[in-house]
Protein backbone atom coordinates (compact mmCIF):
# COMPACT_ATOMS: atom_id res chain seq x y z
CA UNK A 1 -5.27 10.79 -1.94
CA UNK A 2 -1.82 12.17 -2.72
CA UNK A 3 0.31 13.45 0.15
CA UNK A 4 4.00 14.25 -0.07
CA UNK A 5 6.09 12.23 2.35
CA UNK A 6 9.74 12.00 3.34
CA UNK A 7 11.56 8.75 4.06
CA UNK A 8 12.71 9.40 7.64
CA UNK A 9 14.60 6.17 8.18
CA UNK A 10 15.43 2.84 6.61
CA UNK A 11 14.90 0.67 9.67
CA UNK A 12 15.91 -2.74 8.35
CA UNK A 13 15.73 -5.04 5.34
CA UNK A 14 13.79 -8.28 5.43
CA UNK A 15 14.12 -11.69 3.83
CA UNK A 16 11.19 -11.73 1.37
CA UNK A 17 10.40 -15.40 2.04
CA UNK A 18 10.62 -15.59 5.82
CA UNK A 19 10.27 -11.98 6.95
CA UNK A 20 13.39 -12.27 9.12
CA UNK A 21 15.63 -9.21 9.55
CA UNK A 22 18.60 -9.40 7.18
CA UNK A 23 20.31 -6.07 7.91
CA UNK A 24 19.61 -3.20 10.28
CA UNK A 25 19.90 0.44 9.15
CA UNK A 26 20.74 -0.24 5.46
CA UNK A 27 22.20 2.64 3.45
CA UNK A 28 19.93 2.10 0.44
CA UNK A 29 17.32 -0.22 -1.08
CA UNK A 30 17.48 -1.83 -4.48
CA UNK A 31 14.88 -3.39 -6.74
CA UNK A 32 12.80 -6.27 -5.29
CA UNK A 33 13.98 -5.74 -1.71
CA UNK A 34 11.66 -5.94 1.28
CA UNK A 35 12.23 -3.44 4.08
CA UNK A 36 10.72 -1.62 7.02
CA UNK A 37 10.76 2.11 6.25
CA UNK A 38 9.69 5.07 8.39
CA UNK A 39 7.77 7.77 6.47
CA UNK A 40 6.89 11.30 7.60
CA UNK A 41 4.00 12.93 5.69
CA UNK A 42 4.11 16.66 4.90
CA UNK A 43 0.59 17.11 6.31
CA UNK A 44 -1.76 15.05 8.49
CA UNK A 45 -3.32 12.07 6.78
CA UNK A 46 -5.62 9.23 7.71
CA UNK A 47 -3.98 5.80 7.82
CA UNK A 48 -4.55 2.68 9.89
CA UNK A 49 -2.51 -0.42 10.53
CA UNK A 50 -3.07 -2.97 7.76
CA UNK A 51 -3.94 -5.60 10.39
CA UNK A 52 -6.75 -3.37 11.74
CA UNK A 53 -8.24 -1.87 8.56
CA UNK A 54 -6.99 -3.22 5.24
CA UNK A 55 -8.31 -0.43 3.00
CA UNK A 56 -6.52 2.33 4.96
CA UNK A 57 -3.41 0.24 5.56
CA UNK A 58 -2.00 0.16 2.03
CA UNK A 59 0.26 2.73 0.38
CA UNK A 60 2.18 3.41 -2.80
CA UNK A 61 5.27 5.60 -3.13
CA UNK A 62 5.49 7.43 -6.42
CA UNK A 63 8.27 9.58 -7.83
CA UNK A 64 8.06 11.43 -11.12
CA UNK A 65 4.79 9.70 -12.05
CA UNK A 66 6.19 6.20 -11.56
CA UNK A 67 5.47 3.81 -8.72
CA UNK A 68 8.72 3.04 -6.88
CA UNK A 69 7.36 1.10 -3.89
CA UNK A 70 4.24 -0.58 -2.53
CA UNK A 71 3.66 -1.32 1.10
CA UNK A 72 1.45 -1.79 4.11
CA UNK A 73 1.23 0.20 7.33
CA UNK A 74 2.58 -1.82 10.27
CA UNK A 75 2.72 0.90 12.93
CA UNK A 76 1.35 4.45 13.29
CA UNK A 77 2.80 7.23 15.46
CA UNK A 78 0.67 10.30 16.07
CA UNK A 79 2.27 13.64 16.89
CA UNK A 80 -1.08 15.37 17.42
CA UNK A 81 -4.35 14.40 19.04
CA UNK A 82 -7.35 14.28 16.68
CA UNK A 83 -9.32 17.52 16.57
CA UNK A 84 -13.12 17.57 16.65
CA UNK A 85 -14.80 19.82 14.09
């Protein structure tokens, strides 16, 4: 499933070994950095927290046909209630 998404915020960078917060609100990310990033999809999509459902909790960010980031979903915010069809 391919859905366009916008990086809404770079929340903080993490120490890759311990997971501790290194810096809050970084200006940019470089290669091999770990970070918490807020994404906003262009249309509704089905995701779950990685801790709850591993298959729907993984994601890959691609730009120009190349993978630029891999990650897991740690928190989900819903702006709309699910609609029954």
